[in-house]
Protein backbone atom coordinates (compact mmCIF):
# COMPACT_ATOMS: atom_id res chain seq x y z
CA MET A 1 -67.93 -35.09 -109.40
CA PHE A 2 -66.48 -38.39 -108.23
CA THR A 3 -68.87 -40.85 -105.97
CA PHE A 4 -66.90 -42.21 -102.56
CA ILE A 5 -68.31 -44.49 -99.97
CA ASP A 6 -67.09 -43.67 -96.20
CA LEU A 7 -66.07 -46.97 -94.02
CA PHE A 8 -65.65 -46.72 -90.31
CA ALA A 9 -66.70 -43.35 -90.97
CA GLY A 10 -66.86 -41.97 -87.31
CA ILE A 11 -68.33 -38.51 -87.57
CA GLY A 12 -66.88 -37.69 -91.07
CA GLY A 13 -63.49 -36.49 -91.30
CA PHE A 14 -63.11 -38.33 -94.47
CA HIS A 15 -66.51 -36.96 -95.63
CA HIS A 16 -65.56 -33.09 -94.92
CA ALA A 17 -62.15 -33.79 -97.06
CA LEU A 18 -63.57 -35.86 -99.86
CA SER A 19 -66.63 -33.64 -100.48
CA GLY A 20 -64.72 -30.56 -100.52
CA ALA A 21 -62.69 -32.02 -103.21
CA GLY A 22 -65.65 -32.81 -105.31
CA GLY A 23 -67.15 -35.63 -104.09
CA GLN A 24 -70.73 -36.84 -103.75
CA CYS A 25 -70.86 -39.66 -100.72
CA VAL A 26 -73.13 -42.48 -101.75
CA PHE A 27 -72.66 -44.86 -98.88
CA VAL A 28 -71.64 -44.63 -94.74
CA SER A 29 -70.99 -47.52 -92.78
CA GLU A 30 -70.39 -46.84 -88.66
CA ILE A 31 -71.34 -49.19 -86.32
CA ASP A 32 -71.21 -46.29 -82.94
CA GLU A 33 -74.70 -45.09 -82.71
CA GLN A 34 -73.80 -41.64 -81.16
CA ALA A 35 -71.08 -41.26 -84.01
CA LYS A 36 -73.74 -42.32 -86.60
CA ARG A 37 -76.12 -39.48 -85.28
CA ILE A 38 -73.78 -36.71 -85.37
CA TYR A 39 -72.60 -37.68 -88.66
CA GLU A 40 -76.14 -37.56 -89.86
CA GLN A 41 -76.55 -34.64 -88.34
CA ASN A 42 -74.02 -32.81 -90.19
CA TRP A 43 -73.59 -34.73 -93.20
CA GLY A 44 -77.09 -36.30 -93.94
CA ASP A 45 -78.20 -33.59 -96.56
CA HIS A 46 -75.03 -34.58 -98.95
CA VAL A 47 -75.38 -38.50 -98.36
CA THR A 48 -77.01 -40.04 -101.25
CA PRO A 49 -80.09 -41.73 -99.93
CA ARG A 50 -80.66 -45.46 -101.35
CA GLU A 51 -84.42 -46.80 -101.50
CA GLY A 52 -85.29 -49.37 -98.84
CA ARG A 53 -81.99 -49.16 -96.95
CA PRO A 54 -81.25 -46.76 -94.27
CA LEU A 55 -78.90 -43.41 -94.80
CA LEU A 56 -75.93 -44.72 -92.89
CA GLU A 57 -75.39 -48.34 -92.38
CA GLY A 58 -74.15 -49.95 -88.86
CA ASP A 59 -71.72 -53.19 -88.78
CA ILE A 60 -69.95 -53.44 -92.04
CA ILE A 61 -69.54 -57.45 -91.81
CA PRO A 62 -73.17 -58.36 -92.76
CA LEU A 63 -72.79 -56.09 -95.88
CA THR A 64 -69.62 -57.54 -97.37
CA ASP A 65 -71.09 -61.11 -98.20
CA PRO A 66 -69.81 -62.45 -101.45
CA GLU A 67 -71.99 -60.20 -103.72
CA VAL A 68 -71.55 -56.63 -101.21
CA GLN A 69 -74.89 -56.45 -102.31
CA HIS A 70 -75.89 -53.50 -100.33
CA ILE A 71 -73.02 -51.24 -101.64
CA PRO A 72 -73.05 -49.05 -104.62
CA ASP A 73 -70.44 -48.72 -107.36
CA HIS A 74 -68.00 -45.81 -106.38
CA ASP A 75 -64.94 -43.99 -107.17
CA VAL A 76 -63.12 -43.83 -103.96
CA LEU A 77 -63.35 -46.18 -100.84
CA ALA A 78 -62.36 -44.44 -97.53
CA ALA A 79 -61.78 -46.03 -94.29
CA GLY A 80 -60.20 -45.47 -91.17
CA PHE A 81 -60.06 -49.17 -89.93
CA PRO A 82 -60.17 -49.90 -86.26
CA CYS A 83 -56.99 -49.57 -84.95
CA GLN A 84 -57.42 -51.45 -81.53
CA PRO A 85 -55.56 -54.57 -82.74
CA PHE A 86 -52.46 -52.23 -83.74
CA SER A 87 -52.71 -49.44 -81.22
CA LYS A 88 -49.99 -49.41 -78.57
CA SER A 89 -52.85 -49.47 -76.11
CA GLY A 90 -53.85 -52.75 -76.83
CA PHE A 91 -52.53 -56.31 -77.18
CA GLN A 92 -51.01 -55.81 -80.53
CA ARG A 93 -52.12 -58.94 -81.91
CA GLY A 94 -52.58 -57.29 -85.57
CA ILE A 95 -54.14 -59.20 -87.98
CA ASN A 96 -54.54 -62.48 -85.80
CA GLU A 97 -57.44 -60.66 -83.24
CA THR A 98 -60.76 -60.58 -84.93
CA ARG A 99 -60.95 -56.85 -85.11
CA GLY A 100 -57.60 -57.08 -87.43
CA THR A 101 -59.79 -59.03 -89.72
CA LEU A 102 -62.00 -55.87 -90.88
CA PHE A 103 -59.34 -55.10 -93.29
CA PHE A 104 -60.75 -58.37 -95.56
CA ASN A 105 -64.15 -57.01 -95.24
CA ILE A 106 -62.72 -53.86 -97.14
CA ALA A 107 -60.90 -56.17 -99.09
CA LYS A 108 -64.09 -57.90 -100.26
CA ILE A 109 -65.48 -54.44 -101.11
CA LEU A 110 -62.65 -53.84 -103.43
CA GLU A 111 -62.84 -57.02 -105.38
CA ALA A 112 -66.43 -57.06 -105.93
CA LYS A 113 -66.74 -52.99 -106.80
CA ARG A 114 -62.81 -51.74 -108.25
CA PRO A 115 -63.08 -48.13 -107.14
CA ARG A 116 -60.40 -46.52 -109.20
CA VAL A 117 -58.98 -44.93 -105.70
CA ILE A 118 -58.54 -46.15 -102.20
CA ILE A 119 -57.32 -44.30 -99.04
CA LEU A 120 -57.09 -46.16 -95.89
CA GLU A 121 -56.21 -44.42 -92.42
CA ASN A 122 -54.57 -46.08 -89.36
CA VAL A 123 -52.20 -45.70 -86.05
CA ARG A 124 -48.57 -45.46 -86.94
CA ASN A 125 -47.99 -48.44 -85.01
CA LEU A 126 -49.71 -50.28 -88.09
CA ALA A 127 -46.10 -50.17 -90.03
CA GLY A 128 -44.10 -50.54 -86.59
CA PRO A 129 -42.04 -53.41 -86.24
CA ARG A 130 -44.27 -55.44 -84.26
CA HIS A 131 -46.55 -55.48 -87.07
CA ARG A 132 -43.88 -56.17 -90.71
CA GLU A 133 -46.06 -59.57 -91.44
CA THR A 134 -49.43 -57.20 -91.16
CA TRP A 135 -48.34 -54.38 -92.99
CA SER A 136 -47.04 -57.25 -95.67
CA THR A 137 -50.26 -58.96 -95.78
CA ILE A 138 -52.16 -55.44 -96.12
CA ILE A 139 -49.93 -54.55 -99.01
CA ARG A 140 -49.81 -58.23 -100.67
CA THR A 141 -53.53 -58.07 -100.79
CA LEU A 142 -54.10 -54.71 -101.89
CA ARG A 143 -51.69 -55.18 -105.22
CA ASP A 144 -53.15 -59.00 -105.47
CA LEU A 145 -56.51 -56.87 -105.57
CA GLY A 146 -54.72 -54.78 -108.52
CA TYR A 147 -54.27 -51.57 -106.51
CA LYS A 148 -50.47 -49.62 -106.95
CA VAL A 149 -49.58 -48.92 -103.36
CA SER A 150 -46.19 -48.38 -102.00
CA ASP A 151 -44.16 -51.03 -99.42
CA THR A 152 -43.30 -48.17 -97.44
CA PRO A 153 -45.50 -46.62 -95.07
CA THR A 154 -46.93 -42.85 -95.55
CA VAL A 155 -46.65 -41.44 -91.85
CA PHE A 156 -48.01 -38.00 -91.53
CA SER A 157 -49.09 -35.33 -88.79
CA PRO A 158 -51.12 -32.00 -89.46
CA HIS A 159 -48.71 -30.17 -87.72
CA LEU A 160 -45.87 -30.72 -90.38
CA LEU A 161 -48.47 -28.79 -93.19
CA PRO A 162 -49.04 -25.04 -93.40
CA PRO A 163 -52.43 -23.57 -92.29
CA GLU A 164 -53.35 -22.63 -96.03
CA LEU A 165 -52.75 -26.31 -97.07
CA GLY A 166 -54.99 -28.03 -94.22
CA GLY A 167 -52.61 -27.98 -91.40
CA THR A 168 -53.47 -27.82 -87.63
CA PRO A 169 -51.38 -27.45 -84.73
CA GLN A 170 -51.48 -31.00 -83.43
CA ILE A 171 -49.02 -33.64 -83.50
CA ARG A 172 -50.85 -36.90 -85.04
CA ASP A 173 -48.69 -39.14 -86.96
CA ARG A 174 -51.02 -41.72 -88.68
CA VAL A 175 -50.43 -44.07 -91.21
CA PHE A 176 -52.28 -43.21 -94.67
CA ILE A 177 -52.56 -46.14 -97.47
CA VAL A 178 -53.15 -44.69 -100.71
CA GLY A 179 -53.63 -46.57 -103.77
CA THR A 180 -54.87 -46.29 -107.61
CA HIS A 181 -56.69 -49.62 -109.49
CA VAL A 182 -54.19 -50.33 -112.37
CA GLY A 183 -54.83 -54.28 -112.48
CA ARG A 184 -52.94 -56.79 -110.78
CA GLU A 185 -49.93 -57.09 -113.36
CA ARG A 186 -49.11 -53.59 -113.46
CA ALA A 187 -49.45 -53.38 -109.65
CA TRP A 188 -47.01 -56.04 -108.87
CA ALA A 189 -44.57 -55.00 -111.95
CA GLU A 190 -44.95 -51.16 -110.80
CA ALA A 191 -44.27 -52.24 -106.93
CA ASP A 192 -41.79 -49.40 -105.39
CA SER A 193 -41.04 -48.44 -101.91
CA THR A 194 -41.28 -44.48 -102.46
CA PRO A 195 -44.24 -43.28 -100.12
CA THR A 196 -46.86 -41.05 -101.19
CA LEU A 197 -45.40 -38.41 -98.89
CA GLU A 198 -42.66 -38.01 -96.38
CA ARG A 199 -42.94 -37.02 -92.66
CA LYS A 200 -41.29 -33.54 -92.67
CA PRO A 201 -42.18 -30.26 -93.13
CA VAL A 202 -43.94 -29.18 -96.24
CA ASP A 203 -42.89 -25.97 -98.33
CA GLY A 204 -40.67 -24.84 -96.07
CA TRP A 205 -43.12 -24.89 -93.30
CA ASN A 206 -41.62 -24.67 -89.63
CA PRO A 207 -43.97 -26.44 -87.07
CA SER A 208 -42.81 -23.89 -84.60
CA MET A 209 -44.27 -20.96 -86.29
CA TRP A 210 -47.79 -22.71 -84.89
CA ASP A 211 -49.37 -20.11 -82.58
CA LEU A 212 -52.73 -21.52 -80.94
CA ASP A 213 -54.13 -18.11 -80.23
CA THR A 214 -54.14 -17.62 -83.77
CA HIS A 215 -55.20 -20.99 -85.27
CA VAL A 216 -56.95 -22.91 -82.77
CA LEU A 217 -58.22 -21.07 -79.87
CA LEU A 218 -61.87 -19.40 -79.27
CA ASP A 219 -61.75 -15.76 -77.84
CA GLU A 220 -62.45 -15.85 -74.02
CA SER A 221 -65.70 -14.15 -74.74
CA GLU A 222 -66.96 -17.24 -76.79
CA VAL A 223 -65.90 -19.89 -74.10
CA PRO A 224 -68.80 -21.20 -71.55
CA SER A 225 -67.81 -20.17 -68.24
CA THR A 226 -69.08 -23.50 -66.81
CA GLY A 227 -68.40 -26.91 -68.21
CA PRO A 228 -65.72 -29.60 -68.38
CA HIS A 229 -63.04 -27.33 -69.78
CA ARG A 230 -62.85 -25.22 -66.67
CA LEU A 231 -60.39 -26.58 -64.18
CA SER A 232 -61.43 -27.56 -60.78
CA ALA A 233 -59.70 -26.18 -57.86
CA GLU A 234 -57.76 -29.46 -56.98
CA GLU A 235 -56.51 -29.65 -60.35
CA ILE A 236 -55.59 -25.70 -60.10
CA ARG A 237 -53.83 -26.89 -56.52
CA TRP A 238 -51.86 -29.10 -58.58
CA ILE A 239 -50.63 -26.59 -61.13
CA ASP A 240 -49.84 -24.12 -58.68
CA VAL A 241 -47.67 -26.53 -56.54
CA TRP A 242 -45.61 -27.61 -59.78
CA ASP A 243 -45.70 -24.16 -60.96
CA ASP A 244 -44.22 -22.83 -57.67
CA PHE A 245 -41.30 -25.61 -58.29
CA VAL A 246 -40.51 -24.76 -61.51
CA THR A 247 -40.21 -20.63 -60.83
CA THR A 248 -38.10 -21.75 -57.80
CA LEU A 249 -35.95 -24.10 -59.51
CA LEU A 250 -35.44 -21.58 -62.39
CA GLU A 251 -34.44 -19.05 -59.83
CA VAL A 252 -32.14 -21.49 -58.03
CA ARG A 253 -30.45 -22.59 -61.48
CA ASP A 254 -30.03 -19.15 -62.94
CA GLY A 255 -32.68 -19.58 -65.67
CA THR A 256 -30.89 -23.03 -67.03
CA PRO A 257 -34.13 -24.94 -68.13
CA LEU A 258 -35.25 -27.70 -66.17
CA PRO A 259 -34.07 -31.44 -67.38
CA GLY A 260 -36.22 -33.25 -69.55
CA PHE A 261 -36.17 -36.60 -67.56
CA PRO A 262 -39.57 -37.18 -65.51
CA ILE A 263 -39.13 -35.71 -62.46
CA TRP A 264 -40.49 -37.70 -59.26
CA ALA A 265 -41.13 -36.05 -56.05
CA ASP A 266 -41.31 -39.43 -54.39
CA GLU A 267 -37.65 -40.16 -55.58
CA PHE A 268 -35.96 -37.12 -54.00
CA ARG A 269 -33.44 -38.95 -51.89
CA ASP A 270 -29.69 -39.15 -51.32
CA VAL A 271 -29.50 -42.68 -52.92
CA PRO A 272 -31.56 -43.80 -55.38
CA ALA A 273 -33.93 -46.99 -54.24
CA ILE A 274 -32.14 -49.41 -57.03
CA THR A 275 -32.86 -52.96 -56.56
CA SER A 276 -31.51 -56.16 -58.80
CA SER A 277 -34.83 -56.47 -59.73
CA THR A 278 -35.22 -52.81 -60.97
CA PRO A 279 -35.76 -52.30 -64.64
CA LYS A 280 -32.71 -50.77 -66.38
CA TRP A 281 -34.71 -47.72 -67.89
CA LYS A 282 -36.39 -46.60 -64.26
CA ALA A 283 -33.12 -47.38 -62.93
CA ASP A 284 -31.53 -44.25 -64.89
CA PHE A 285 -34.74 -42.30 -63.91
CA LEU A 286 -34.00 -42.76 -60.07
CA ARG A 287 -30.21 -41.94 -60.58
CA LYS A 288 -31.12 -38.94 -62.39
CA ASN A 289 -33.66 -37.69 -59.75
CA SER A 290 -31.37 -38.30 -56.71
CA GLU A 291 -28.59 -36.48 -58.33
CA PHE A 292 -30.97 -33.60 -59.16
CA TYR A 293 -32.12 -33.57 -55.57
CA VAL A 294 -28.90 -33.79 -54.12
CA GLU A 295 -27.59 -30.56 -56.57
CA HIS A 296 -30.62 -28.61 -55.62
CA ARG A 297 -31.44 -29.82 -52.11
CA ASP A 298 -32.28 -26.77 -49.76
CA ALA A 299 -34.73 -25.59 -52.68
CA ILE A 300 -36.48 -28.50 -53.14
CA ASP A 301 -36.67 -29.22 -49.39
CA THR A 302 -38.11 -26.06 -48.85
CA TRP A 303 -40.57 -26.41 -51.64
CA LEU A 304 -41.80 -29.69 -50.29
CA ALA A 305 -42.21 -28.00 -46.30
CA ARG A 306 -43.85 -24.99 -48.37
CA HIS A 307 -46.78 -27.61 -49.32
CA GLY A 308 -46.88 -30.07 -46.58
CA GLY A 309 -44.75 -32.88 -48.74
CA LEU A 310 -47.64 -32.87 -51.54
CA ALA A 311 -49.86 -34.62 -49.26
CA GLY A 312 -53.08 -35.66 -50.41
CA PHE A 313 -51.39 -35.43 -54.01
CA PRO A 314 -52.57 -38.83 -56.27
CA PRO A 315 -48.98 -40.50 -57.40
CA SER A 316 -49.69 -39.62 -60.80
CA ARG A 317 -49.80 -35.48 -59.86
CA ARG A 318 -46.64 -36.12 -58.05
CA LYS A 319 -44.77 -36.46 -61.09
CA LEU A 320 -43.74 -33.79 -63.80
CA GLU A 321 -42.70 -34.08 -66.97
CA TRP A 322 -40.85 -31.27 -68.27
CA GLN A 323 -40.89 -30.89 -72.40
CA ALA A 324 -41.40 -26.91 -72.19
CA GLN A 325 -37.79 -26.21 -72.53
CA ASP A 326 -36.96 -22.45 -71.76
CA ALA A 327 -40.79 -21.96 -70.78
CA PRO A 328 -41.03 -19.36 -67.56
CA SER A 329 -43.79 -20.93 -65.78
CA LEU A 330 -46.15 -24.06 -65.53
CA TRP A 331 -48.91 -21.98 -66.45
CA ALA A 332 -47.14 -20.70 -69.78
CA THR A 333 -47.19 -24.53 -70.86
CA ALA A 334 -49.78 -26.60 -72.71
CA MET A 335 -50.17 -29.33 -70.06
CA HIS A 336 -51.93 -32.94 -69.95
CA PHE A 337 -52.45 -34.78 -66.70
CA ARG A 338 -51.35 -38.20 -67.84
CA PRO A 339 -50.91 -41.54 -65.88
CA SER A 340 -47.31 -41.07 -65.85
CA GLY A 341 -47.61 -37.17 -64.65
CA ILE A 342 -48.39 -33.57 -65.32
CA ARG A 343 -46.45 -32.92 -68.83
CA ALA A 344 -45.74 -29.46 -70.17
CA LYS A 345 -44.79 -28.61 -73.39
CA LYS A 346 -44.18 -25.45 -75.29
CA PRO A 347 -47.65 -23.99 -76.48
CA THR A 348 -47.31 -24.20 -79.81
CA TYR A 349 -48.71 -27.86 -81.31
CA LEU A 350 -50.39 -30.03 -79.12
CA PRO A 351 -50.28 -33.63 -78.35
CA ALA A 352 -52.40 -35.80 -80.52
CA MET A 353 -56.06 -36.07 -79.15
CA VAL A 354 -57.16 -39.56 -78.04
CA ALA A 355 -60.49 -41.44 -77.28
CA ILE A 356 -59.57 -41.00 -73.41
CA THR A 357 -59.73 -38.41 -70.90
CA GLN A 358 -56.49 -36.49 -71.73
CA THR A 359 -57.74 -33.24 -72.91
CA SER A 360 -55.15 -30.37 -73.15
CA ILE A 361 -54.57 -27.60 -70.59
CA ILE A 362 -53.62 -24.34 -72.29
CA GLY A 363 -51.69 -22.80 -69.41
CA PRO A 364 -51.82 -19.14 -70.54
CA ARG A 365 -55.81 -19.64 -70.60
CA ARG A 366 -56.03 -21.38 -67.65
CA ARG A 367 -58.22 -24.09 -68.96
CA ARG A 368 -58.79 -26.86 -71.41
CA ILE A 369 -59.32 -26.80 -74.82
CA THR A 370 -63.16 -26.62 -75.65
CA VAL A 371 -64.81 -29.06 -78.22
CA ARG A 372 -65.32 -26.63 -80.79
CA GLU A 373 -61.41 -26.07 -80.80
CA GLY A 374 -60.85 -29.81 -80.73
CA ALA A 375 -62.93 -29.89 -83.92
CA ARG A 376 -60.90 -27.11 -85.22
CA LEU A 377 -57.59 -29.39 -84.70
CA GLN A 378 -59.29 -32.31 -86.56
CA GLY A 379 -59.65 -29.75 -89.63
CA LEU A 380 -63.54 -29.66 -89.29
CA PRO A 381 -65.36 -26.14 -89.55
CA ASP A 382 -66.91 -24.19 -87.05
CA THR A 383 -70.08 -24.92 -88.15
CA PHE A 384 -69.73 -28.79 -86.98
CA SER A 385 -72.25 -29.56 -84.41
CA PHE A 386 -72.04 -31.67 -81.80
CA GLU A 387 -75.35 -31.08 -80.61
CA GLY A 388 -77.12 -33.51 -78.32
CA GLN A 389 -74.33 -35.17 -76.51
CA PRO A 390 -72.16 -34.98 -73.68
CA GLN A 391 -68.64 -33.47 -74.08
CA SER A 392 -66.84 -36.66 -73.10
CA ALA A 393 -68.49 -38.19 -76.17
CA SER A 394 -67.43 -35.67 -78.57
CA PHE A 395 -64.16 -35.38 -77.23
CA LYS A 396 -64.16 -39.58 -77.67
CA GLN A 397 -65.34 -39.09 -81.36
CA LEU A 398 -63.11 -36.55 -82.13
CA GLY A 399 -59.79 -38.71 -80.46
CA ASN A 400 -60.89 -41.58 -82.69
CA GLY A 401 -61.14 -39.27 -85.84
CA VAL A 402 -59.09 -38.28 -88.98
CA SER A 403 -57.37 -35.59 -89.81
CA ALA A 404 -59.51 -33.39 -92.80
CA GLY A 405 -56.70 -31.75 -93.73
CA VAL A 406 -54.27 -34.36 -94.13
CA VAL A 407 -56.38 -36.32 -95.83
CA GLY A 408 -56.93 -33.54 -98.66
CA PHE A 409 -53.48 -32.81 -98.95
CA ILE A 410 -52.56 -36.35 -99.30
CA LEU A 411 -55.21 -36.64 -101.92
CA ARG A 412 -53.75 -34.21 -103.95
CA GLU A 413 -50.07 -35.19 -103.72
CA SER A 414 -50.84 -38.81 -104.68
CA GLY A 415 -52.38 -37.47 -107.64
CA ALA A 416 -55.38 -39.07 -107.04
CA LEU A 417 -57.83 -36.15 -107.55
CA GLU A 418 -56.32 -35.33 -110.61
CA LEU A 419 -56.64 -38.89 -111.83
CA LEU A 420 -60.28 -38.96 -110.88
CA ALA A 421 -61.00 -35.71 -112.83
CA GLU A 422 -59.25 -37.41 -116.32
CA GLN A 423 -61.25 -40.28 -115.75
CA THR A 424 -64.28 -38.08 -115.33
CA GLN A 425 -63.54 -36.17 -118.38
CA ALA A 426 -62.93 -39.11 -120.57
CA GLY A 427 -66.28 -40.71 -119.38
CA ALA A 428 -68.30 -37.33 -120.27
CA ALA A 429 -66.34 -37.30 -123.46
């Protein structure tokens, strides 16, 4: 058995992976009170209590004074440290933003406790071009602390793993940093650029083989008849109208799939509305929409007239992002209601769950995914409970979470679990 600590723990994706690999949790830190309650509700019986301290700690900052006095010794440090400083949805100030410096709170723990293995997770953008300095600072800091880590980020997604290895049908690219403690001199001497895992399907797996019905979706008899997963009459109308567009245009085009560029109903015109100040990317879409309209004018005008020119549709529902290739109908796709429009994809693997309301709609089921199905996408067991909170909070927590299956696979592939087992056996001897 090895011991681990779970920092920025959320609802326990790391806990599920590490305890499943034989680990014992000896310390948890999570600042969000709702997430703490769900964590304790599910994993509380599997966290080693400490006399005079709460079972789950809150803010990590007061715990990382020079002596890190409240944190027990451990073999593995796991942390999904805050991603807002690096996320595309934020200001991308990185390590210069206050929250970005929380990495250095992790570094203080590493300096004091020297766990044998670390596994850190963050959004893919952490390794993007705007954060090269941040990435280099993190890697340099870890090597100075004696951890052997790769210069090249490990970026991986659960949809690239077959189900028997922990994969799930969700595109969720995340950066993982796995390191083993070998001492500063060796960490720098053995520095290389080999990622722990390449971003490609594993063991010949073809992601197009994912099937939501088999791997994620509940039987409809298990789905509540009411709740946020049910579509409103207005949402059904939006889909029905655009489904009429899809089927009409497919018939006119003799089955040729719709184009992949964003289709903007307000830009169906003979001459695109382009001025000297129009950004190049937008001008390109405007031209394409105009050309598409001119080519199919009669069918599009008839469709618009049939639906009152989309009267009452908000701007974001007057757009269609067709990424479903040869799907025969909008209701045959997986959809997202996005600020940029209704995005449609083939119903194999789903886009990443996020911490805002963009829950996937499963067209053939005519509903959104449920919280239980969202938990399956994150590799959590069906016994996992969100009892006592609204579904919006549960989806927020899932959107902020880590894929448990990917964590387990990366630990196995990196050799970290084998190292822990060897050192445990050597200590016992």
